[in-house]
Structure formats: C-alpha cells, structure tokens
C-alpha cells in the first residue's frame, strides 16, 4: 500500500515538474523570439533631406535626396525622391539679365517646399554647384560670374531652407563627385562582412566603376587605374572611403562638352569658305543660318577666330558619318605627348581599366539612338547605326521625330559621332567597348555628380569602415527560431532521459 502511494506521488510530482518545465521552456522561447523581433523592428521613420542644384552650361536641375537620420554613415541609404528641371538655359546665360534669376529659380524651389515636410525645411541643406558654363564665364569676366552667383545666393536665401552657398566647382571635383555617385549607388565602397568573425572580409572588396561624364561645355573621365602610378600629379586624387584607400585618375576637358565641341568644329570649318558650310555632321537637306559673332563669343572658339568677309554663314547638311568623324578628330591634338600615354592635347591618360558608367549626355544621346542595350550593342553596331542615321534626309527625320525639338534633333548626328570619337581618344576599342555601360539612373537616383557632392559636404561617407549588421533581418529571425526549436527539442529529450529512462530506452530498441 505504501509503495503504491509513493509511486502515485512520484508520478504526480514528475507530471507537475514536466508541466512547469515545459511551460517555462515555451515562455523562454516566446521571450527569445519577442526579443529578436523587437530588436530588429524598424524604427519609426526619422529622415533627413538635402537639395542640390546642378547649374550646368545648358540647363539647371534640382534634386531632392532623402535618407534615414540614424543611418547617415551606411551605404546605399540615400535616395533621390524628386527631380525638377528649371525652365530656361544655364545660369551663365543670365549674366546680363540678373533680375530674372529669381523667377528662374522659383518654380522648382516651390516644388521642393511642397515635397519636403514643412517641419524639416529649416534643417534641410541646399547646395548649388555651377559647372563648365560658369567656368567659361569666369574666364571671360570674373566679376560678372561673381554677380551671377551673388544673385543666385540672394534668391535661394529667401527660402526657409538651410542654404549652404552657391559656388563654381572645378572640373576635377565634378569628375570625382561623379565617380563617388556611381560607386556609392552600386554599393562598391562597402566591404562584405564575414559574419562568423564579425569583421570585414578582405576578399569582399569590390572593383570600382570608372565614370564618364559628358556635359554641354566639359567632359570628365575618372577611374582607378590598374597601375596606381599616376604620372601626372594634377590628375591624381587620393580617397580613404569605408576603410579602403583609392588612388583615382581624373581629368576634365573644358570646351570638350558636346555643345562647345560643335562650336569649335564649326569655327574651324568655316575658315576658307564663302559663307556656306557644307557640313557632313548634319542631315541631308538640313539648312540653318548662324551669326559669326555668336560662334566666336565663347572662349572655346578663340583659337579659330579670324576676320571673315561675312557676318553670317549658312550650314547645309550633307549627312556623312565618316567625313563627320574626320572633321571631329581634327579637334583632338594627338601629335604631342610628354607621358607614356595620352588622350589628346598632351594630357596624361593611363590605360582604361575595368567597367565604366557613361552618363549625362553620353546616356541621353545613346538612349535617343536606342544604343543603350548592352546585350546587343557593340562598337560595330553603334558605328553602323550612326552611318544610317546621319544619312537620313532631314525632312524624313522631322516627320518621324515630330515631337523632338528641331535644335536637338539636328545635332544628334554630330553628338553620336562625337561620342564615338571621344571614346576612341580615350583608347576604348572594339574589345573594351563592352565595359562601357550607358547609365541614366541607378535604382531611383540620377547618375551624375550631385549626389557625390552632397555626400561629401554632409560627411556621409566616413573614412573608416562603419559598423553594420553581419546578418540581414530575415536571416537573424530565422536563426533565432531555429536555435529556439533546437533548445526545446534538447530539453524535452533531456527530460525523457531523466524521468522516463525505461520509456526512452524502449523506444530506442
């Protein structure tokens, strides 16, 4: 009788202990999962905004950027949320009508005021960077350039944003910021983490992209050369970004943007004519009249300036790609090189290395010509397309592209041929053409110098590698649940071994 009571008591106690242990394990697992979910739960949106105005030679664009305030030093978190193109030419064209600058800026600044929450206005920085158009104006008349910047500053200071100033950026800066933008958006700066040791994986360092930028008045080439020995110190930049050192080659060719290059070509070609220029870079049947004084008004054409017996000249298109290219190549002086290798005009250029992102006018022109698909576009196909396009009659082209402004449409033959000629002068060949990627946007952000400019001025790219999570949110939760289930299984088996050894061994047999 005593044995029976003792057995029942033991059974009762074992059952209750098992229930308590089981309940405790379940509560522990629930708590473990809850902690994991809470730890990784996204925080309420706490964002910052930034505005950059790209004051180019032919137009000005306003870009609005947004990023999580608590992640300023992480990569890939800055997103472009708005682009606004100002109506009118570049700000350098307002040098003699300064009173119109305020109206010129109004529409896009009002748009920025609507996009960015009013509570964020006073802490949102605004930057204006002027490029080659203003560089040329500064060469012509430094005082006038200062007056334009002063008028822009006065206008932008009237808005309730944190205006940080308007300045003319150098060609070297423009190239560097474009390079930073591309590689930032592509995630090339950040190193992959080895999650087992919670440190950067040295084998995870990624090869950066080079940057090819083509504007209206200048063009830039920037990349990390294979041989880090840059023979020309003025073309060398040194960065330390995210714990890695970069020795970058960059050069900006003022006057070799597509608009100024066209003016140079025309100024060169009208010499020795009777006022009629039969130009292979314009379509057959195309005719227009241009003032000689307008042609020579740019510092870029002064080397070709001469007195003509006519004040106007007529352009008559003949539409021949090969002849057009020969005329363009005469703009590049390749007869002199004081270094081991040059591009043109005696400028040092190391052999192009790796992949390149080609943006701005590179992209817009090639996109119009339907030549941005990397899978099907070779150098041979681009040349073939240009030969056919340039030879198309002007009237036929106007009918087919009726929605395109005639000025832009008339210049695509020249622009496409100029791009091929320029890339050839950079020593891109049929074999290396596949390394050129024509880019308009990466994800939602325009490719250009503006994002890199803002990242630099807001110090959002640290010199050293920032701390970042070794695992993604999904992977972390999966591992938490997996380990919790393993814990439960181990506890249950342990209880069976301890309290029911005979039952356990019976199952094993």
Protein backbone atom coordinates (compact mmCIF):
# COMPACT_ATOMS: atom_id res chain seq x y z
CA UNK A 1 0.00 0.00 0.00
CA UNK A 2 2.83 2.33 0.93
CA UNK A 3 4.62 1.51 -2.35
CA UNK A 4 1.51 2.34 -4.33
CA UNK A 5 1.07 5.70 -2.64
CA UNK A 6 4.74 6.51 -3.14
CA UNK A 7 4.50 5.60 -6.82
CA UNK A 8 1.45 7.80 -7.31
CA UNK A 9 3.17 10.66 -5.53
CA UNK A 10 6.26 10.33 -7.72
CA UNK A 11 4.09 10.20 -10.83
CA UNK A 12 2.17 13.28 -9.71
CA UNK A 13 5.35 15.24 -8.94
CA UNK A 14 7.01 14.19 -12.19
CA UNK A 15 3.97 15.24 -14.17
CA UNK A 16 3.83 18.64 -12.50
CA UNK A 17 7.55 19.22 -12.83
CA UNK A 18 7.33 18.35 -16.53
CA UNK A 19 4.41 20.73 -16.97
CA UNK A 20 6.30 23.52 -15.20
CA UNK A 21 9.49 22.86 -17.16
CA UNK A 22 7.57 22.66 -20.41
CA UNK A 23 5.72 25.87 -19.72
CA UNK A 24 8.97 27.57 -18.73
CA UNK A 25 10.65 26.43 -21.94
CA UNK A 26 7.75 27.70 -24.03
CA UNK A 27 7.84 31.05 -22.24
CA UNK A 28 11.59 31.24 -22.74
CA UNK A 29 11.26 30.55 -26.45
CA UNK A 30 8.45 33.10 -26.82
CA UNK A 31 10.58 35.65 -24.98
CA UNK A 32 13.57 34.82 -27.18
CA UNK A 33 11.55 35.34 -30.36
CA UNK A 34 9.94 38.51 -28.98
CA UNK A 35 13.33 39.99 -28.11
CA UNK A 36 14.63 39.18 -31.59
CA UNK A 37 11.63 40.74 -33.28
CA UNK A 38 11.72 43.81 -31.05
CA UNK A 39 15.44 44.26 -31.54
CA UNK A 40 15.08 44.18 -35.30
CA UNK A 41 11.80 46.05 -35.59
CA UNK A 42 12.21 49.05 -37.94
CA UNK A 43 12.23 52.31 -36.02
CA UNK A 44 9.64 55.00 -36.74
CA UNK A 45 10.68 56.99 -39.79
CA UNK A 46 13.25 59.60 -38.83
CA UNK A 47 14.55 61.06 -42.06
CA UNK A 48 16.62 63.93 -43.33
CA UNK A 49 16.52 65.74 -46.67
CA UNK A 50 19.04 67.51 -48.86
CA UNK A 51 18.73 69.66 -52.01
CA UNK A 52 21.37 70.04 -54.71
CA UNK A 53 21.05 72.29 -57.77
CA UNK A 54 23.15 71.27 -60.75
CA UNK A 55 23.77 74.53 -62.60
CA UNK A 56 25.11 73.25 -65.91
CA UNK A 57 26.04 75.07 -69.10
CA UNK A 58 22.76 74.38 -70.89
CA UNK A 59 20.24 73.95 -68.06
CA UNK A 60 19.80 73.67 -64.29
CA UNK A 61 18.24 70.73 -62.44
CA UNK A 62 17.19 70.47 -58.81
CA UNK A 63 17.48 67.14 -56.98
CA UNK A 64 15.98 66.25 -53.61
CA UNK A 65 17.57 63.46 -51.57
CA UNK A 66 16.24 61.61 -48.54
CA UNK A 67 17.93 59.29 -46.03
CA UNK A 68 17.28 57.73 -42.59
CA UNK A 69 18.75 60.05 -39.96
CA UNK A 70 20.06 57.17 -37.84
CA UNK A 71 21.93 55.60 -40.79
CA UNK A 72 23.93 58.51 -42.16
CA UNK A 73 27.15 56.53 -42.45
CA UNK A 74 25.70 53.40 -44.03
CA UNK A 75 25.99 52.87 -47.77
CA UNK A 76 23.12 52.81 -50.22
CA UNK A 77 20.61 54.55 -47.92
CA UNK A 78 20.40 57.92 -49.69
CA UNK A 79 17.59 58.00 -52.25
CA UNK A 80 16.64 60.63 -54.80
CA UNK A 81 12.95 61.38 -54.36
CA UNK A 82 12.48 64.27 -56.76
CA UNK A 83 13.98 65.87 -59.86
CA UNK A 84 12.89 69.27 -61.13
CA UNK A 85 14.28 70.83 -64.31
CA UNK A 86 14.30 74.60 -64.34
CA UNK A 87 12.79 76.21 -67.39
CA UNK A 88 15.41 78.13 -69.32
CA UNK A 89 19.13 77.89 -70.14
CA UNK A 90 22.07 77.57 -67.73
CA UNK A 91 22.65 80.34 -65.17
CA UNK A 92 25.65 81.70 -67.09
CA UNK A 93 23.18 82.90 -69.75
CA UNK A 94 21.58 85.20 -67.15
CA UNK A 95 24.79 87.22 -66.75
CA UNK A 96 23.19 90.24 -68.44
CA UNK A 97 19.69 89.74 -67.02
CA UNK A 98 20.33 89.15 -63.32
CA UNK A 99 16.85 90.36 -62.36
CA UNK A 100 15.33 87.26 -63.99
CA UNK A 101 17.24 84.76 -61.84
CA UNK A 102 14.70 84.93 -59.02
CA UNK A 103 11.82 83.94 -61.35
CA UNK A 104 14.07 81.31 -62.96
CA UNK A 105 14.53 79.51 -59.60
CA UNK A 106 11.02 79.96 -58.21
CA UNK A 107 9.09 77.03 -59.69
CA UNK A 108 11.49 74.28 -58.61
CA UNK A 109 12.14 75.79 -55.18
CA UNK A 110 8.38 75.92 -54.55
CA UNK A 111 8.22 72.30 -55.64
CA UNK A 112 10.93 71.45 -53.09
CA UNK A 113 8.92 73.26 -50.40
CA UNK A 114 5.95 71.04 -51.21
CA UNK A 115 7.86 67.75 -51.30
CA UNK A 116 9.82 68.26 -48.07
CA UNK A 117 7.69 68.45 -44.88
CA UNK A 118 7.46 71.99 -43.57
CA UNK A 119 8.84 70.91 -40.18
CA UNK A 120 12.06 69.83 -41.94
CA UNK A 121 12.65 72.99 -44.01
CA UNK A 122 14.98 74.82 -41.64
CA UNK A 123 17.31 71.83 -41.24
CA UNK A 124 17.38 70.83 -44.92
CA UNK A 125 20.65 71.91 -46.56
CA UNK A 126 20.60 73.46 -50.05
CA UNK A 127 23.69 73.44 -52.25
CA UNK A 128 24.19 74.91 -55.71
CA UNK A 129 27.15 73.77 -57.77
CA UNK A 130 27.87 75.50 -61.07
CA UNK A 131 29.92 73.66 -63.67
CA UNK A 132 31.58 74.38 -67.02
CA UNK A 133 29.22 77.12 -68.23
CA UNK A 134 30.14 79.27 -65.24
CA UNK A 135 33.80 78.26 -65.53
CA UNK A 136 33.81 79.72 -69.02
CA UNK A 137 32.02 82.87 -67.83
CA UNK A 138 34.63 83.27 -65.09
CA UNK A 139 37.37 83.06 -67.73
CA UNK A 140 35.59 85.74 -69.79
CA UNK A 141 34.59 88.05 -66.94
CA UNK A 142 35.25 87.03 -63.33
CA UNK A 143 33.28 89.98 -61.92
CA UNK A 144 30.23 89.08 -63.96
CA UNK A 145 30.45 85.46 -62.79
CA UNK A 146 30.56 86.68 -59.19
CA UNK A 147 27.46 88.81 -59.80
CA UNK A 148 25.56 85.79 -61.11
CA UNK A 149 26.48 83.75 -58.03
CA UNK A 150 25.53 86.69 -55.78
CA UNK A 151 22.11 86.93 -57.45
CA UNK A 152 21.60 83.17 -57.06
CA UNK A 153 22.66 83.35 -53.41
CA UNK A 154 20.24 86.21 -52.69
CA UNK A 155 17.36 84.35 -54.32
CA UNK A 156 17.97 80.99 -52.61
CA UNK A 157 18.47 82.66 -49.22
CA UNK A 158 14.84 83.85 -49.32
CA UNK A 159 13.54 80.31 -48.81
CA UNK A 160 13.23 78.73 -45.37
CA UNK A 161 15.85 76.10 -46.08
CA UNK A 162 19.39 75.89 -44.73
CA UNK A 163 21.15 77.44 -47.73
CA UNK A 164 24.82 76.41 -47.74
CA UNK A 165 26.05 78.55 -50.63
CA UNK A 166 26.49 78.65 -54.40
CA UNK A 167 29.90 78.05 -55.94
CA UNK A 168 31.63 77.08 -59.15
CA UNK A 169 33.05 73.58 -58.74
CA UNK A 170 36.26 72.64 -60.51
CA UNK A 171 36.42 70.11 -63.31
CA UNK A 172 38.40 67.80 -61.06
CA UNK A 173 35.68 67.98 -58.38
CA UNK A 174 32.99 67.30 -60.97
CA UNK A 175 34.82 64.16 -62.10
CA UNK A 176 35.46 62.99 -58.54
CA UNK A 177 31.86 63.51 -57.38
CA UNK A 178 30.53 61.64 -60.42
CA UNK A 179 32.84 58.73 -59.61
CA UNK A 180 31.68 58.74 -55.97
CA UNK A 181 28.00 58.82 -57.03
CA UNK A 182 28.24 55.80 -59.32
CA UNK A 183 30.16 53.64 -56.89
CA UNK A 184 28.04 54.71 -53.91
CA UNK A 185 24.82 53.77 -55.69
CA UNK A 186 26.28 50.48 -56.91
CA UNK A 187 27.48 49.64 -53.38
CA UNK A 188 31.11 49.34 -54.48
CA UNK A 189 32.65 51.09 -51.47
CA UNK A 190 31.31 48.88 -48.69
CA UNK A 191 33.13 45.64 -47.95
CA UNK A 192 31.23 42.42 -47.34
CA UNK A 193 31.27 41.26 -43.71
CA UNK A 194 32.36 37.82 -42.60
CA UNK A 195 29.50 37.16 -40.16
CA UNK A 196 31.30 34.36 -38.33
CA UNK A 197 34.05 36.72 -37.14
CA UNK A 198 32.07 39.96 -37.36
CA UNK A 199 34.77 41.76 -39.34
CA UNK A 200 35.25 42.91 -42.95
CA UNK A 201 36.07 40.12 -45.34
CA UNK A 202 39.23 41.16 -47.16
CA UNK A 203 38.18 39.09 -50.15
CA UNK A 204 34.90 41.03 -50.28
CA UNK A 205 36.45 44.25 -51.55
CA UNK A 206 34.77 45.18 -54.82
CA UNK A 207 36.22 46.60 -58.02
CA UNK A 208 35.01 50.16 -58.58
CA UNK A 209 33.45 51.53 -61.78
CA UNK A 210 35.05 54.34 -63.75
CA UNK A 211 32.96 57.43 -64.54
CA UNK A 212 32.48 59.05 -67.96
CA UNK A 213 30.60 62.36 -67.82
CA UNK A 214 29.68 64.45 -70.85
CA UNK A 215 28.07 67.86 -70.46
CA UNK A 216 27.48 70.79 -72.74
CA UNK A 217 30.78 72.58 -72.07
CA UNK A 218 33.09 69.98 -70.50
CA UNK A 219 33.68 66.25 -70.24
CA UNK A 220 35.29 64.21 -67.46
CA UNK A 221 36.92 60.79 -67.20
CA UNK A 222 37.63 59.30 -63.75
CA UNK A 223 38.73 55.79 -62.75
CA UNK A 224 41.12 53.74 -60.63
CA UNK A 225 43.96 52.71 -62.96
CA UNK A 226 45.39 49.21 -62.81
CA UNK A 227 48.85 50.68 -62.31
CA UNK A 228 48.49 53.08 -59.37
CA UNK A 229 51.45 55.14 -60.56
CA UNK A 230 49.75 58.26 -61.98
CA UNK A 231 52.45 60.09 -63.92
CA UNK A 232 50.71 63.48 -63.79
CA UNK A 233 50.20 64.61 -60.13
CA UNK A 234 47.48 67.11 -61.11
CA UNK A 235 45.37 64.21 -62.38
CA UNK A 236 45.67 62.20 -59.15
CA UNK A 237 43.15 62.09 -56.32
CA UNK A 238 43.50 60.07 -53.13
CA UNK A 239 40.48 58.99 -51.10
CA UNK A 240 40.00 56.89 -48.00
CA UNK A 241 36.41 55.68 -48.02
CA UNK A 242 34.93 52.95 -45.82
CA UNK A 243 38.34 51.76 -44.69
CA UNK A 244 39.93 51.49 -48.14
CA UNK A 245 42.41 53.72 -49.93
CA UNK A 246 41.72 54.74 -53.53
CA UNK A 247 44.19 56.31 -55.96
CA UNK A 248 41.97 57.81 -58.64
CA UNK A 249 42.85 59.30 -62.02
CA UNK A 250 40.64 62.16 -63.21
CA UNK A 251 40.70 64.85 -65.85
CA UNK A 252 38.16 67.40 -67.03
CA UNK A 253 38.38 68.72 -70.59
CA UNK A 254 36.91 72.21 -70.63
CA UNK A 255 35.47 73.15 -74.05
CA UNK A 256 35.02 69.49 -75.00
CA UNK A 257 31.43 69.10 -73.88
CA UNK A 258 29.22 68.33 -76.87
CA UNK A 259 27.87 71.88 -77.35
CA UNK A 260 31.23 73.62 -77.17
CA UNK A 261 32.85 70.91 -79.28
CA UNK A 262 30.27 71.57 -82.01
CA UNK A 263 31.05 75.30 -81.86
CA UNK A 264 34.76 74.53 -82.13
CA UNK A 265 34.15 72.33 -85.16
CA UNK A 266 32.04 74.97 -86.90
CA UNK A 267 34.59 77.70 -86.13
CA UNK A 268 37.32 75.50 -87.57
CA UNK A 269 35.37 74.51 -90.67
CA UNK A 270 34.10 77.94 -91.81
CA UNK A 271 37.66 79.09 -92.43
CA UNK A 272 38.23 79.35 -96.15
CA UNK A 273 34.53 79.14 -97.05
CA UNK A 274 32.41 81.73 -98.86
CA UNK A 275 29.82 81.77 -96.07
CA UNK A 276 28.29 78.43 -96.99
CA UNK A 277 29.42 75.42 -94.94
CA UNK A 278 28.56 72.02 -96.35
CA UNK A 279 28.67 70.01 -93.14
CA UNK A 280 28.67 66.17 -93.01
CA UNK A 281 27.58 66.25 -89.33
CA UNK A 282 24.08 67.48 -90.28
CA UNK A 283 21.44 65.58 -92.23
CA UNK A 284 20.99 65.96 -95.99
CA UNK A 285 18.54 68.78 -96.66
CA UNK A 286 19.15 70.49 -93.31
CA UNK A 287 19.82 74.24 -93.54
CA UNK A 288 20.28 76.94 -90.93
CA UNK A 289 21.91 80.36 -90.64
CA UNK A 290 24.25 81.35 -87.80
CA UNK A 291 25.92 84.62 -86.78
CA UNK A 292 29.71 84.58 -86.85
CA UNK A 293 29.77 86.77 -83.74
CA UNK A 294 27.72 84.18 -81.83
CA UNK A 295 30.13 81.48 -82.87
CA UNK A 296 33.15 83.39 -81.61
CA UNK A 297 31.51 84.59 -78.37
CA UNK A 298 32.84 81.57 -76.46
CA UNK A 299 36.42 81.31 -75.10
CA UNK A 300 36.44 77.80 -76.58
CA UNK A 301 36.45 79.07 -80.18
CA UNK A 302 39.00 81.86 -79.83
CA UNK A 303 41.82 79.73 -81.22
CA UNK A 304 39.91 79.59 -84.52
CA UNK A 305 38.82 83.24 -84.56
CA UNK A 306 39.57 85.24 -87.68
CA UNK A 307 38.06 88.08 -89.70
CA UNK A 308 35.57 86.93 -92.33
CA UNK A 309 34.03 88.89 -95.20
CA UNK A 310 30.59 87.76 -93.98
CA UNK A 311 28.73 88.32 -90.69
CA UNK A 312 26.53 85.24 -91.10
CA UNK A 313 27.12 81.82 -92.57
CA UNK A 314 24.79 79.08 -93.75
CA UNK A 315 25.08 75.43 -92.75
CA UNK A 316 23.96 72.90 -95.37
CA UNK A 317 23.88 69.32 -94.18
CA UNK A 318 25.41 66.53 -96.28
CA UNK A 319 25.00 63.67 -93.77
CA UNK A 320 28.13 61.54 -93.90
CA UNK A 321 29.30 59.83 -90.69
CA UNK A 322 32.87 59.06 -91.86
CA UNK A 323 33.51 62.61 -93.04
CA UNK A 324 31.92 63.99 -89.88
CA UNK A 325 34.25 61.89 -87.71
CA UNK A 326 37.31 63.04 -89.65
CA UNK A 327 36.31 66.64 -89.03
CA UNK A 328 35.75 66.00 -85.31
CA UNK A 329 39.07 64.20 -84.83
CA UNK A 330 40.86 67.35 -86.00
CA UNK A 331 39.80 68.94 -82.69
CA UNK A 332 41.98 66.46 -80.79
CA UNK A 333 45.69 67.21 -80.94
CA UNK A 334 47.45 63.85 -80.66
CA UNK A 335 50.82 64.96 -82.07
CA UNK A 336 52.38 65.66 -78.68
CA UNK A 337 52.56 63.52 -75.51
CA UNK A 338 55.07 64.13 -72.69
CA UNK A 339 53.94 60.97 -70.87
CA UNK A 340 53.91 57.23 -71.57
CA UNK A 341 50.35 57.57 -72.91
CA UNK A 342 48.00 60.49 -73.56
CA UNK A 343 44.40 61.05 -74.59
CA UNK A 344 44.77 64.31 -76.54
CA UNK A 345 46.20 67.82 -76.13
CA UNK A 346 49.17 66.39 -74.20
CA UNK A 347 47.00 65.15 -71.29
CA UNK A 348 48.20 62.03 -69.47
CA UNK A 349 45.78 59.09 -69.57
CA UNK A 350 46.55 55.64 -68.14
CA UNK A 351 45.02 52.64 -69.98
CA UNK A 352 41.27 52.47 -69.16
CA UNK A 353 40.72 49.70 -66.63
CA UNK A 354 37.54 47.90 -65.58
CA UNK A 355 33.91 48.83 -66.16
CA UNK A 356 32.78 52.40 -66.81
CA UNK A 357 29.47 54.14 -66.25
CA UNK A 358 28.79 56.71 -69.01
CA UNK A 359 26.14 59.25 -68.02
CA UNK A 360 24.67 62.70 -68.67
CA UNK A 361 24.85 63.45 -72.44
CA UNK A 362 26.50 60.09 -73.10
CA UNK A 363 23.31 58.43 -71.93
CA UNK A 364 20.78 60.90 -73.38
CA UNK A 365 22.28 60.75 -76.89
CA UNK A 366 22.76 56.99 -76.94
CA UNK A 367 19.30 56.44 -75.48
CA UNK A 368 17.74 58.53 -78.25
CA UNK A 369 19.63 56.40 -80.80
CA UNK A 370 18.42 53.24 -79.00
CA UNK A 371 22.00 52.16 -78.31
CA UNK A 372 21.98 51.64 -74.55
CA UNK A 373 21.16 47.90 -74.53
CA UNK A 374 24.46 46.31 -73.54
CA UNK A 375 23.49 42.79 -74.64
CA UNK A 376 23.06 43.74 -78.28
CA UNK A 377 25.19 46.86 -78.73
CA UNK A 378 28.77 46.52 -79.92
CA UNK A 379 31.02 49.27 -81.23
CA UNK A 380 30.46 47.93 -84.74
CA UNK A 381 26.69 48.19 -84.36
CA UNK A 382 26.95 51.75 -82.98
CA UNK A 383 29.03 52.82 -85.99
CA UNK A 384 26.61 51.12 -88.38
CA UNK A 385 23.66 52.86 -86.68
CA UNK A 386 25.38 56.25 -86.90
CA UNK A 387 26.15 55.79 -90.61
CA UNK A 388 22.50 55.08 -91.34
CA UNK A 389 21.16 57.79 -89.02
CA UNK A 390 23.39 60.61 -90.32
CA UNK A 391 22.48 59.83 -93.94
CA UNK A 392 18.71 60.09 -93.32
CA UNK A 393 17.09 63.07 -95.10
CA UNK A 394 16.17 65.91 -92.77
CA UNK A 395 12.55 66.14 -93.87
CA UNK A 396 12.07 62.42 -93.34
CA UNK A 397 13.63 62.66 -89.87
CA UNK A 398 11.42 65.59 -88.85
CA UNK A 399 8.32 63.63 -89.82
CA UNK A 400 9.41 60.56 -87.85
CA UNK A 401 10.51 62.51 -84.73
CA UNK A 402 7.90 65.24 -84.84
CA UNK A 403 7.79 65.62 -81.04
CA UNK A 404 11.53 66.38 -80.69
CA UNK A 405 12.72 69.98 -80.83
CA UNK A 406 14.45 70.68 -84.14
CA UNK A 407 17.58 72.07 -82.49
CA UNK A 408 18.13 68.86 -80.52
CA UNK A 409 17.13 66.60 -83.41
CA UNK A 410 19.51 68.31 -85.82
CA UNK A 411 22.50 67.76 -83.52
CA UNK A 412 22.14 64.04 -82.73
CA UNK A 413 24.24 63.04 -85.75
CA UNK A 414 27.09 65.23 -84.54
CA UNK A 415 26.65 64.22 -80.87
CA UNK A 416 26.65 60.47 -81.59
CA UNK A 417 29.69 60.78 -83.83
CA UNK A 418 31.42 62.96 -81.25
CA UNK A 419 30.83 60.36 -78.51
CA UNK A 420 32.43 57.64 -80.64
CA UNK A 421 35.37 59.93 -81.45
CA UNK A 422 35.85 60.98 -77.82
CA UNK A 423 35.77 57.40 -76.50
CA UNK A 424 38.24 56.43 -79.21
CA UNK A 425 40.57 59.20 -77.99
CA UNK A 426 40.32 57.63 -74.52
CA UNK A 427 41.62 54.41 -76.15
CA UNK A 428 38.42 52.40 -75.88
CA UNK A 429 38.50 49.74 -78.59
CA UNK A 430 36.01 47.29 -80.06
CA UNK A 431 37.11 44.80 -77.38
CA UNK A 432 36.79 47.19 -74.42
CA UNK A 433 33.50 48.75 -75.65
CA UNK A 434 31.62 46.07 -73.70
CA UNK A 435 32.98 47.64 -70.48
CA UNK A 436 31.05 50.87 -71.12
CA UNK A 437 27.59 50.96 -69.52
CA UNK A 438 25.37 53.88 -70.51
CA UNK A 439 23.50 54.88 -67.35
CA UNK A 440 20.63 57.28 -66.80
CA UNK A 441 19.62 56.14 -63.33
CA UNK A 442 20.73 53.59 -60.76
CA UNK A 443 17.62 52.45 -58.93
CA UNK A 444 15.72 55.73 -58.47
CA UNK A 445 18.67 58.14 -58.48
CA UNK A 446 20.03 60.05 -61.46
CA UNK A 447 23.67 59.33 -62.18
CA UNK A 448 25.75 62.49 -62.01
CA UNK A 449 27.97 64.50 -59.70
CA UNK A 450 25.23 65.95 -57.46
CA UNK A 451 24.78 63.02 -55.07
CA UNK A 452 28.54 62.67 -54.57
CA UNK A 453 28.74 66.42 -53.96
CA UNK A 454 26.09 66.27 -51.23
CA UNK A 455 27.60 63.14 -49.65
CA UNK A 456 30.94 64.92 -49.44
CA UNK A 457 29.58 68.16 -47.99
CA UNK A 458 27.42 66.37 -45.40
CA UNK A 459 30.28 63.99 -44.46
CA UNK A 460 28.08 60.95 -45.00
CA UNK A 461 30.90 58.79 -46.36
CA UNK A 462 33.26 58.06 -43.46
CA UNK A 463 36.96 57.37 -43.97
CA UNK A 464 36.76 54.21 -41.88
CA UNK A 465 34.51 51.20 -42.25
CA UNK A 466 31.26 51.83 -40.33
CA UNK A 467 29.70 49.20 -38.13
CA UNK A 468 26.94 47.30 -39.86
CA UNK A 469 24.89 44.21 -39.11
CA UNK A 470 26.59 40.97 -40.16
CA UNK A 471 23.21 39.33 -40.86
CA UNK A 472 20.10 40.52 -42.59
CA UNK A 473 16.88 40.91 -40.61
CA UNK A 474 15.33 37.80 -42.22
CA UNK A 475 18.39 35.62 -41.59
CA UNK A 476 18.60 36.78 -37.97
CA UNK A 477 14.97 35.87 -37.22
CA UNK A 478 15.32 32.51 -39.00
CA UNK A 479 18.35 31.60 -36.88
CA UNK A 480 16.61 32.71 -33.66
CA UNK A 481 13.64 30.44 -34.37
CA UNK A 482 15.84 27.54 -35.46
CA UNK A 483 18.01 27.70 -32.36
CA UNK A 484 14.93 28.04 -30.15
CA UNK A 485 13.39 24.89 -31.63
CA UNK A 486 16.65 23.04 -31.13
CA UNK A 487 16.66 24.21 -27.49
CA UNK A 488 13.12 22.89 -26.94
CA UNK A 489 13.96 19.54 -28.54
CA UNK A 490 17.06 19.14 -26.38
CA UNK A 491 15.14 19.97 -23.18
CA UNK A 492 12.35 17.50 -23.98
CA UNK A 493 14.80 14.71 -24.76
CA UNK A 494 16.71 15.51 -21.56
CA UNK A 495 13.52 15.27 -19.51
CA UNK A 496 12.66 11.93 -21.08
CA UNK A 497 16.12 10.57 -20.33
CA UNK A 498 15.99 11.81 -16.75
CA UNK A 499 12.39 10.96 -15.76
CA UNK A 500 11.46 8.12 -18.11
CA UNK A 501 14.67 6.23 -18.82
CA UNK A 502 12.84 2.96 -19.34
CA UNK A 503 10.45 4.59 -21.87
CA UNK A 504 13.37 6.21 -23.67
CA UNK A 505 15.37 3.01 -23.94
CA UNK A 506 12.25 1.08 -25.00
CA UNK A 507 11.81 3.47 -27.97
CA UNK A 508 15.47 3.23 -28.85
CA UNK A 509 15.15 -0.54 -29.03
